[in-house]
Amino acid sequence: SGQVRGLCGTFNGDQRDEFTTPEGDVEPAVAAFANAFRAAGACPALGPGIPDPCDGFPGSRERAEAACAVLMGPAFQ
């Protein structure tokens, strides 16, 4: 606790600084925060809205919902 930093947040109990960039700035939006960790040219920058990962893969939504149902079910409560 209090010793991590990056895309997983700061884990210090203060949610106001979870989106701290490598430069130490706190971004208010998810896309700007994620873009701060982007390797130049490795992938496209995120726009202001977060794309739905299921949109690009037909049938993924049903598989994801089935997997989440297991994780949210009694075996993991």
PDB file of N, CA and C in Angstrom:
ATOM      1  N   SER A   1       0.836  -1.189   0.000  1.00  0.00           N
ATOM      2  CA  SER A   1       0.000   0.000   0.000  1.00  0.00           C
ATOM      3  C   SER A   1       0.881   1.252   0.000  1.00  0.00           C
ATOM      4  N   GLY A   2       0.506   2.202  -0.854  1.00  0.00           N
ATOM      5  CA  GLY A   2       1.254   3.450  -0.896  1.00  0.00           C
ATOM      6  C   GLY A   2       2.562   3.375  -1.658  1.00  0.00           C
ATOM      7  N   GLN A   3       2.880   2.223  -2.258  1.00  0.00           N
ATOM      8  CA  GLN A   3       4.150   2.073  -2.958  1.00  0.00           C
ATOM      9  C   GLN A   3       3.980   1.746  -4.434  1.00  0.00           C
ATOM     10  N   VAL A   4       2.752   1.797  -4.942  1.00  0.00           N
ATOM     11  CA  VAL A   4       2.527   1.496  -6.350  1.00  0.00           C
ATOM     12  C   VAL A   4       2.117   2.761  -7.086  1.00  0.00           C
ATOM     13  N   ARG A   5       2.289   2.704  -8.401  1.00  0.00           N
ATOM     14  CA  ARG A   5       1.940   3.832  -9.235  1.00  0.00           C
ATOM     15  C   ARG A   5       1.764   3.324 -10.655  1.00  0.00           C
ATOM     16  N   GLY A   6       0.890   3.918 -11.425  1.00  0.00           N
ATOM     17  CA  GLY A   6       0.720   3.521 -12.809  1.00  0.00           C
ATOM     18  C   GLY A   6      -0.726   3.292 -13.156  1.00  0.00           C
ATOM     19  N   LEU A   7      -0.957   2.449 -14.170  1.00  0.00           N
ATOM     20  CA  LEU A   7      -2.313   2.209 -14.640  1.00  0.00           C
ATOM     21  C   LEU A   7      -3.190   1.549 -13.589  1.00  0.00           C
ATOM     22  N   CYS A   8      -2.602   0.927 -12.592  1.00  0.00           N
ATOM     23  CA  CYS A   8      -3.391   0.297 -11.530  1.00  0.00           C
ATOM     24  C   CYS A   8      -3.696   1.273 -10.401  1.00  0.00           C
ATOM     25  N   GLY A   9      -3.279   2.517 -10.512  1.00  0.00           N
ATOM     26  CA  GLY A   9      -3.564   3.515  -9.491  1.00  0.00           C
ATOM     27  C   GLY A   9      -2.451   3.640  -8.476  1.00  0.00           C
ATOM     28  N   THR A  10      -2.721   4.346  -7.396  1.00  0.00           N
ATOM     29  CA  THR A  10      -1.711   4.596  -6.368  1.00  0.00           C
ATOM     30  C   THR A  10      -1.863   3.704  -5.142  1.00  0.00           C
ATOM     31  N   PHE A  11      -3.046   3.142  -4.935  1.00  0.00           N
ATOM     32  CA  PHE A  11      -3.324   2.244  -3.808  1.00  0.00           C
ATOM     33  C   PHE A  11      -2.891   2.856  -2.477  1.00  0.00           C
ATOM     34  N   ASN A  12      -3.288   4.116  -2.285  1.00  0.00           N
ATOM     35  CA  ASN A  12      -2.947   4.779  -1.031  1.00  0.00           C
ATOM     36  C   ASN A  12      -4.184   5.188  -0.234  1.00  0.00           C
ATOM     37  N   GLY A  13      -5.364   4.746  -0.686  1.00  0.00           N
ATOM     38  CA  GLY A  13      -6.592   5.064   0.024  1.00  0.00           C
ATOM     39  C   GLY A  13      -7.214   6.393  -0.376  1.00  0.00           C
ATOM     40  N   ASP A  14      -6.552   7.161  -1.241  1.00  0.00           N
ATOM     41  CA  ASP A  14      -7.060   8.454  -1.692  1.00  0.00           C
ATOM     42  C   ASP A  14      -7.446   8.336  -3.160  1.00  0.00           C
ATOM     43  N   GLN A  15      -8.740   8.219  -3.435  1.00  0.00           N
ATOM     44  CA  GLN A  15      -9.187   8.019  -4.811  1.00  0.00           C
ATOM     45  C   GLN A  15      -8.995   9.258  -5.675  1.00  0.00           C
ATOM     46  N   ARG A  16      -8.734  10.395  -5.089  1.00  0.00           N
ATOM     47  CA  ARG A  16      -8.557  11.619  -5.877  1.00  0.00           C
ATOM     48  C   ARG A  16      -7.267  11.600  -6.695  1.00  0.00           C
ATOM     49  N   ASP A  17      -6.298  10.764  -6.339  1.00  0.00           N
ATOM     50  CA  ASP A  17      -5.039  10.753  -7.087  1.00  0.00           C
ATOM     51  C   ASP A  17      -4.796   9.445  -7.846  1.00  0.00           C
ATOM     52  N   GLU A  18      -5.846   8.678  -8.071  1.00  0.00           N
ATOM     53  CA  GLU A  18      -5.701   7.403  -8.778  1.00  0.00           C
ATOM     54  C   GLU A  18      -5.207   7.579 -10.212  1.00  0.00           C
ATOM     55  N   PHE A  19      -5.544   8.684 -10.850  1.00  0.00           N
ATOM     56  CA  PHE A  19      -5.149   8.907 -12.244  1.00  0.00           C
ATOM     57  C   PHE A  19      -3.885   9.761 -12.320  1.00  0.00           C
ATOM     58  N   THR A  20      -2.872   9.445 -11.529  1.00  0.00           N
ATOM     59  CA  THR A  20      -1.602  10.170 -11.556  1.00  0.00           C
ATOM     60  C   THR A  20      -0.759   9.672 -12.720  1.00  0.00           C
ATOM     61  N   THR A  21      -0.313  10.605 -13.562  1.00  0.00           N
ATOM     62  CA  THR A  21       0.481  10.271 -14.752  1.00  0.00           C
ATOM     63  C   THR A  21       1.942  10.047 -14.373  1.00  0.00           C
ATOM     64  N   PRO A  22       2.747   9.525 -15.295  1.00  0.00           N
ATOM     65  CA  PRO A  22       4.173   9.348 -15.008  1.00  0.00           C
ATOM     66  C   PRO A  22       4.873  10.673 -14.647  1.00  0.00           C
ATOM     67  N   GLU A  23       4.316  11.796 -15.132  1.00  0.00           N
ATOM     68  CA  GLU A  23       4.903  13.105 -14.825  1.00  0.00           C
ATOM     69  C   GLU A  23       4.454  13.641 -13.468  1.00  0.00           C
ATOM     70  N   GLY A  24       3.515  12.947 -12.818  1.00  0.00           N
ATOM     71  CA  GLY A  24       3.029  13.370 -11.514  1.00  0.00           C
ATOM     72  C   GLY A  24       1.775  14.213 -11.550  1.00  0.00           C
ATOM     73  N   ASP A  25       1.229  14.457 -12.752  1.00  0.00           N
ATOM     74  CA  ASP A  25      -0.022  15.206 -12.872  1.00  0.00           C
ATOM     75  C   ASP A  25      -1.195  14.273 -12.587  1.00  0.00           C
ATOM     76  N   VAL A  26      -2.300  14.821 -12.097  1.00  0.00           N
ATOM     77  CA  VAL A  26      -3.514  14.040 -11.879  1.00  0.00           C
ATOM     78  C   VAL A  26      -4.500  14.402 -12.982  1.00  0.00           C
ATOM     79  N   GLU A  27      -4.833  13.417 -13.815  1.00  0.00           N
ATOM     80  CA  GLU A  27      -5.766  13.625 -14.918  1.00  0.00           C
ATOM     81  C   GLU A  27      -7.196  13.414 -14.433  1.00  0.00           C
ATOM     82  N   PRO A  28      -8.130  14.261 -14.875  1.00  0.00           N
ATOM     83  CA  PRO A  28      -9.527  14.083 -14.463  1.00  0.00           C
ATOM     84  C   PRO A  28     -10.274  13.043 -15.293  1.00  0.00           C
ATOM     85  N   ALA A  29      -9.758  12.710 -16.478  1.00  0.00           N
ATOM     86  CA  ALA A  29     -10.476  11.803 -17.379  1.00  0.00           C
ATOM     87  C   ALA A  29      -9.673  10.535 -17.632  1.00  0.00           C
ATOM     88  N   VAL A  30     -10.379   9.423 -17.808  1.00  0.00           N
ATOM     89  CA  VAL A  30      -9.747   8.123 -18.022  1.00  0.00           C
ATOM     90  C   VAL A  30      -8.902   8.111 -19.293  1.00  0.00           C
ATOM     91  N   ALA A  31      -9.435   8.644 -20.398  1.00  0.00           N
ATOM     92  CA  ALA A  31      -8.718   8.598 -21.671  1.00  0.00           C
ATOM     93  C   ALA A  31      -7.396   9.358 -21.594  1.00  0.00           C
ATOM     94  N   ALA A  32      -7.405  10.544 -21.019  1.00  0.00           N
ATOM     95  CA  ALA A  32      -6.174  11.328 -20.889  1.00  0.00           C
ATOM     96  C   ALA A  32      -5.163  10.601 -20.012  1.00  0.00           C
ATOM     97  N   PHE A  33      -5.637   9.980 -18.952  1.00  0.00           N
ATOM     98  CA  PHE A  33      -4.756   9.213 -18.069  1.00  0.00           C
ATOM     99  C   PHE A  33      -4.125   8.045 -18.816  1.00  0.00           C
ATOM    100  N   ALA A  34      -4.939   7.269 -19.535  1.00  0.00           N
ATOM    101  CA  ALA A  34      -4.418   6.120 -20.275  1.00  0.00           C
ATOM    102  C   ALA A  34      -3.448   6.562 -21.356  1.00  0.00           C
ATOM    103  N   ASN A  35      -3.748   7.657 -22.037  1.00  0.00           N
ATOM    104  CA  ASN A  35      -2.853   8.152 -23.085  1.00  0.00           C
ATOM    105  C   ASN A  35      -1.493   8.576 -22.538  1.00  0.00           C
ATOM    106  N   ALA A  36      -1.442   8.969 -21.274  1.00  0.00           N
ATOM    107  CA  ALA A  36      -0.169   9.370 -20.661  1.00  0.00           C
ATOM    108  C   ALA A  36       0.790   8.190 -20.559  1.00  0.00           C
ATOM    109  N   PHE A  37       0.279   6.969 -20.532  1.00  0.00           N
ATOM    110  CA  PHE A  37       1.116   5.775 -20.422  1.00  0.00           C
ATOM    111  C   PHE A  37       1.359   5.108 -21.770  1.00  0.00           C
ATOM    112  N   ARG A  38       0.804   5.667 -22.827  1.00  0.00           N
ATOM    113  CA  ARG A  38       0.888   5.095 -24.164  1.00  0.00           C
ATOM    114  C   ARG A  38       2.317   5.181 -24.701  1.00  0.00           C
ATOM    115  N   ALA A  39       2.804   4.106 -25.282  1.00  0.00           N
ATOM    116  CA  ALA A  39       4.102   4.127 -25.961  1.00  0.00           C
ATOM    117  C   ALA A  39       3.883   4.768 -27.327  1.00  0.00           C
ATOM    118  N   ALA A  40       4.631   5.788 -27.648  1.00  0.00           N
ATOM    119  CA  ALA A  40       4.450   6.531 -28.899  1.00  0.00           C
ATOM    120  C   ALA A  40       4.448   5.589 -30.098  1.00  0.00           C
ATOM    121  N   GLY A  41       3.391   5.652 -30.875  1.00  0.00           N
ATOM    122  CA  GLY A  41       3.280   4.854 -32.087  1.00  0.00           C
ATOM    123  C   GLY A  41       2.865   3.418 -31.882  1.00  0.00           C
ATOM    124  N   ALA A  42       2.838   2.938 -30.654  1.00  0.00           N
ATOM    125  CA  ALA A  42       2.512   1.535 -30.405  1.00  0.00           C
ATOM    126  C   ALA A  42       1.028   1.245 -30.567  1.00  0.00           C
ATOM    127  N   CYS A  43       0.198   2.207 -30.269  1.00  0.00           N
ATOM    128  CA  CYS A  43      -1.247   2.033 -30.389  1.00  0.00           C
ATOM    129  C   CYS A  43      -1.877   3.406 -30.537  1.00  0.00           C
ATOM    130  N   PRO A  44      -3.084   3.463 -31.095  1.00  0.00           N
ATOM    131  CA  PRO A  44      -3.727   4.774 -31.269  1.00  0.00           C
ATOM    132  C   PRO A  44      -4.139   5.373 -29.924  1.00  0.00           C
ATOM    133  N   ALA A  45      -4.151   6.683 -29.881  1.00  0.00           N
ATOM    134  CA  ALA A  45      -4.584   7.381 -28.668  1.00  0.00           C
ATOM    135  C   ALA A  45      -6.078   7.178 -28.475  1.00  0.00           C
ATOM    136  N   LEU A  46      -6.491   7.101 -27.229  1.00  0.00           N
ATOM    137  CA  LEU A  46      -7.914   7.003 -26.917  1.00  0.00           C
ATOM    138  C   LEU A  46      -8.562   8.358 -27.099  1.00  0.00           C
ATOM    139  N   GLY A  47      -9.783   8.350 -27.586  1.00  0.00           N
ATOM    140  CA  GLY A  47     -10.560   9.573 -27.693  1.00  0.00           C
ATOM    141  C   GLY A  47     -11.225   9.861 -26.364  1.00  0.00           C
ATOM    142  N   PRO A  48     -12.101  10.866 -26.330  1.00  0.00           N
ATOM    143  CA  PRO A  48     -12.732  11.213 -25.059  1.00  0.00           C
ATOM    144  C   PRO A  48     -13.656  10.126 -24.510  1.00  0.00           C
ATOM    145  N   GLY A  49     -14.214   9.306 -25.379  1.00  0.00           N
ATOM    146  CA  GLY A  49     -15.082   8.224 -24.918  1.00  0.00           C
ATOM    147  C   GLY A  49     -14.319   6.905 -24.940  1.00  0.00           C
ATOM    148  N   ILE A  50     -14.576   6.044 -24.004  1.00  0.00           N
ATOM    149  CA  ILE A  50     -13.929   4.738 -23.949  1.00  0.00           C
ATOM    150  C   ILE A  50     -14.674   3.794 -24.893  1.00  0.00           C
ATOM    151  N   PRO A  51     -13.974   3.181 -25.862  1.00  0.00           N
ATOM    152  CA  PRO A  51     -14.658   2.260 -26.770  1.00  0.00           C
ATOM    153  C   PRO A  51     -15.090   0.989 -26.034  1.00  0.00           C
ATOM    154  N   ASP A  52     -16.191   0.431 -26.466  1.00  0.00           N
ATOM    155  CA  ASP A  52     -16.677  -0.821 -25.895  1.00  0.00           C
ATOM    156  C   ASP A  52     -15.888  -1.955 -26.535  1.00  0.00           C
ATOM    157  N   PRO A  53     -15.103  -2.712 -25.768  1.00  0.00           N
ATOM    158  CA  PRO A  53     -14.270  -3.765 -26.351  1.00  0.00           C
ATOM    159  C   PRO A  53     -15.069  -4.855 -27.056  1.00  0.00           C
ATOM    160  N   CYS A  54     -16.327  -5.017 -26.710  1.00  0.00           N
ATOM    161  CA  CYS A  54     -17.141  -6.060 -27.334  1.00  0.00           C
ATOM    162  C   CYS A  54     -17.596  -5.674 -28.741  1.00  0.00           C
ATOM    163  N   ASP A  55     -17.576  -4.387 -29.067  1.00  0.00           N
ATOM    164  CA  ASP A  55     -18.063  -3.951 -30.374  1.00  0.00           C
ATOM    165  C   ASP A  55     -17.241  -4.525 -31.526  1.00  0.00           C
ATOM    166  N   GLY A  56     -15.962  -4.724 -31.338  1.00  0.00           N
ATOM    167  CA  GLY A  56     -15.101  -5.206 -32.408  1.00  0.00           C
ATOM    168  C   GLY A  56     -15.057  -6.712 -32.558  1.00  0.00           C
ATOM    169  N   PHE A  57     -15.676  -7.428 -31.664  1.00  0.00           N
ATOM    170  CA  PHE A  57     -15.603  -8.889 -31.680  1.00  0.00           C
ATOM    171  C   PHE A  57     -16.994  -9.491 -31.518  1.00  0.00           C
ATOM    172  N   PRO A  58     -17.634  -9.869 -32.621  1.00  0.00           N
ATOM    173  CA  PRO A  58     -18.985 -10.441 -32.524  1.00  0.00           C
ATOM    174  C   PRO A  58     -19.007 -11.664 -31.606  1.00  0.00           C
ATOM    175  N   GLY A  59     -20.000 -11.718 -30.755  1.00  0.00           N
ATOM    176  CA  GLY A  59     -20.152 -12.837 -29.830  1.00  0.00           C
ATOM    177  C   GLY A  59     -19.404 -12.659 -28.519  1.00  0.00           C
ATOM    178  N   SER A  60     -18.534 -11.658 -28.444  1.00  0.00           N
ATOM    179  CA  SER A  60     -17.741 -11.461 -27.224  1.00  0.00           C
ATOM    180  C   SER A  60     -18.588 -11.047 -26.034  1.00  0.00           C
ATOM    181  N   ARG A  61     -19.596 -10.242 -26.289  1.00  0.00           N
ATOM    182  CA  ARG A  61     -20.420  -9.760 -25.178  1.00  0.00           C
ATOM    183  C   ARG A  61     -21.069 -10.927 -24.442  1.00  0.00           C
ATOM    184  N   GLU A  62     -21.609 -11.889 -25.195  1.00  0.00           N
ATOM    185  CA  GLU A  62     -22.264 -13.037 -24.564  1.00  0.00           C
ATOM    186  C   GLU A  62     -21.267 -13.868 -23.755  1.00  0.00           C
ATOM    187  N   ARG A  63     -20.070 -14.094 -24.310  1.00  0.00           N
ATOM    188  CA  ARG A  63     -19.045 -14.851 -23.575  1.00  0.00           C
ATOM    189  C   ARG A  63     -18.589 -14.096 -22.331  1.00  0.00           C
ATOM    190  N   ALA A  64     -18.433 -12.792 -22.453  1.00  0.00           N
ATOM    191  CA  ALA A  64     -18.003 -11.984 -21.310  1.00  0.00           C
ATOM    192  C   ALA A  64     -19.061 -11.988 -20.207  1.00  0.00           C
ATOM    193  N   GLU A  65     -20.321 -11.849 -20.606  1.00  0.00           N
ATOM    194  CA  GLU A  65     -21.390 -11.849 -19.607  1.00  0.00           C
ATOM    195  C   GLU A  65     -21.495 -13.202 -18.913  1.00  0.00           C
ATOM    196  N   ALA A  66     -21.273 -14.293 -19.658  1.00  0.00           N
ATOM    197  CA  ALA A  66     -21.302 -15.627 -19.043  1.00  0.00           C
ATOM    198  C   ALA A  66     -20.142 -15.786 -18.051  1.00  0.00           C
ATOM    199  N   ALA A  67     -18.963 -15.310 -18.424  1.00  0.00           N
ATOM    200  CA  ALA A  67     -17.802 -15.402 -17.532  1.00  0.00           C
ATOM    201  C   ALA A  67     -18.010 -14.549 -16.285  1.00  0.00           C
ATOM    202  N   CYS A  68     -18.554 -13.357 -16.462  1.00  0.00           N
ATOM    203  CA  CYS A  68     -18.814 -12.482 -15.313  1.00  0.00           C
ATOM    204  C   CYS A  68     -19.866 -13.080 -14.386  1.00  0.00           C
ATOM    205  N   ALA A  69     -20.829 -13.779 -14.967  1.00  0.00           N
ATOM    206  CA  ALA A  69     -21.859 -14.400 -14.136  1.00  0.00           C
ATOM    207  C   ALA A  69     -21.240 -15.414 -13.197  1.00  0.00           C
ATOM    208  N   VAL A  70     -20.250 -16.141 -13.665  1.00  0.00           N
ATOM    209  CA  VAL A  70     -19.563 -17.121 -12.822  1.00  0.00           C
ATOM    210  C   VAL A  70     -18.809 -16.383 -11.703  1.00  0.00           C
ATOM    211  N   LEU A  71     -18.079 -15.314 -12.069  1.00  0.00           N
ATOM    212  CA  LEU A  71     -17.315 -14.564 -11.076  1.00  0.00           C
ATOM    213  C   LEU A  71     -18.201 -13.873 -10.042  1.00  0.00           C
ATOM    214  N   MET A  72     -19.375 -13.463 -10.466  1.00  0.00           N
ATOM    215  CA  MET A  72     -20.289 -12.789  -9.551  1.00  0.00           C
ATOM    216  C   MET A  72     -21.211 -13.771  -8.818  1.00  0.00           C
ATOM    217  N   GLY A  73     -21.111 -15.042  -9.144  1.00  0.00           N
ATOM    218  CA  GLY A  73     -21.972 -16.056  -8.570  1.00  0.00           C
ATOM    219  C   GLY A  73     -21.545 -16.500  -7.184  1.00  0.00           C
ATOM    220  N   PRO A  74     -22.233 -17.478  -6.651  1.00  0.00           N
ATOM    221  CA  PRO A  74     -22.000 -17.921  -5.269  1.00  0.00           C
ATOM    222  C   PRO A  74     -20.608 -18.496  -5.025  1.00  0.00           C
ATOM    223  N   ALA A  75     -19.966 -19.054  -6.040  1.00  0.00           N
ATOM    224  CA  ALA A  75     -18.636 -19.646  -5.830  1.00  0.00           C
ATOM    225  C   ALA A  75     -17.607 -18.611  -5.389  1.00  0.00           C
ATOM    226  N   PHE A  76     -17.799 -17.346  -5.749  1.00  0.00           N
ATOM    227  CA  PHE A  76     -16.826 -16.317  -5.426  1.00  0.00           C
ATOM    228  C   PHE A  76     -17.345 -15.292  -4.411  1.00  0.00           C
ATOM    229  N   GLN A  77     -18.427 -15.608  -3.736  1.00  0.00           N
ATOM    230  CA  GLN A  77     -18.945 -14.646  -2.749  1.00  0.00           C
ATOM    231  C   GLN A  77     -18.388 -14.911  -1.380  1.00  0.00           C
TER     232      GLN A  77
END
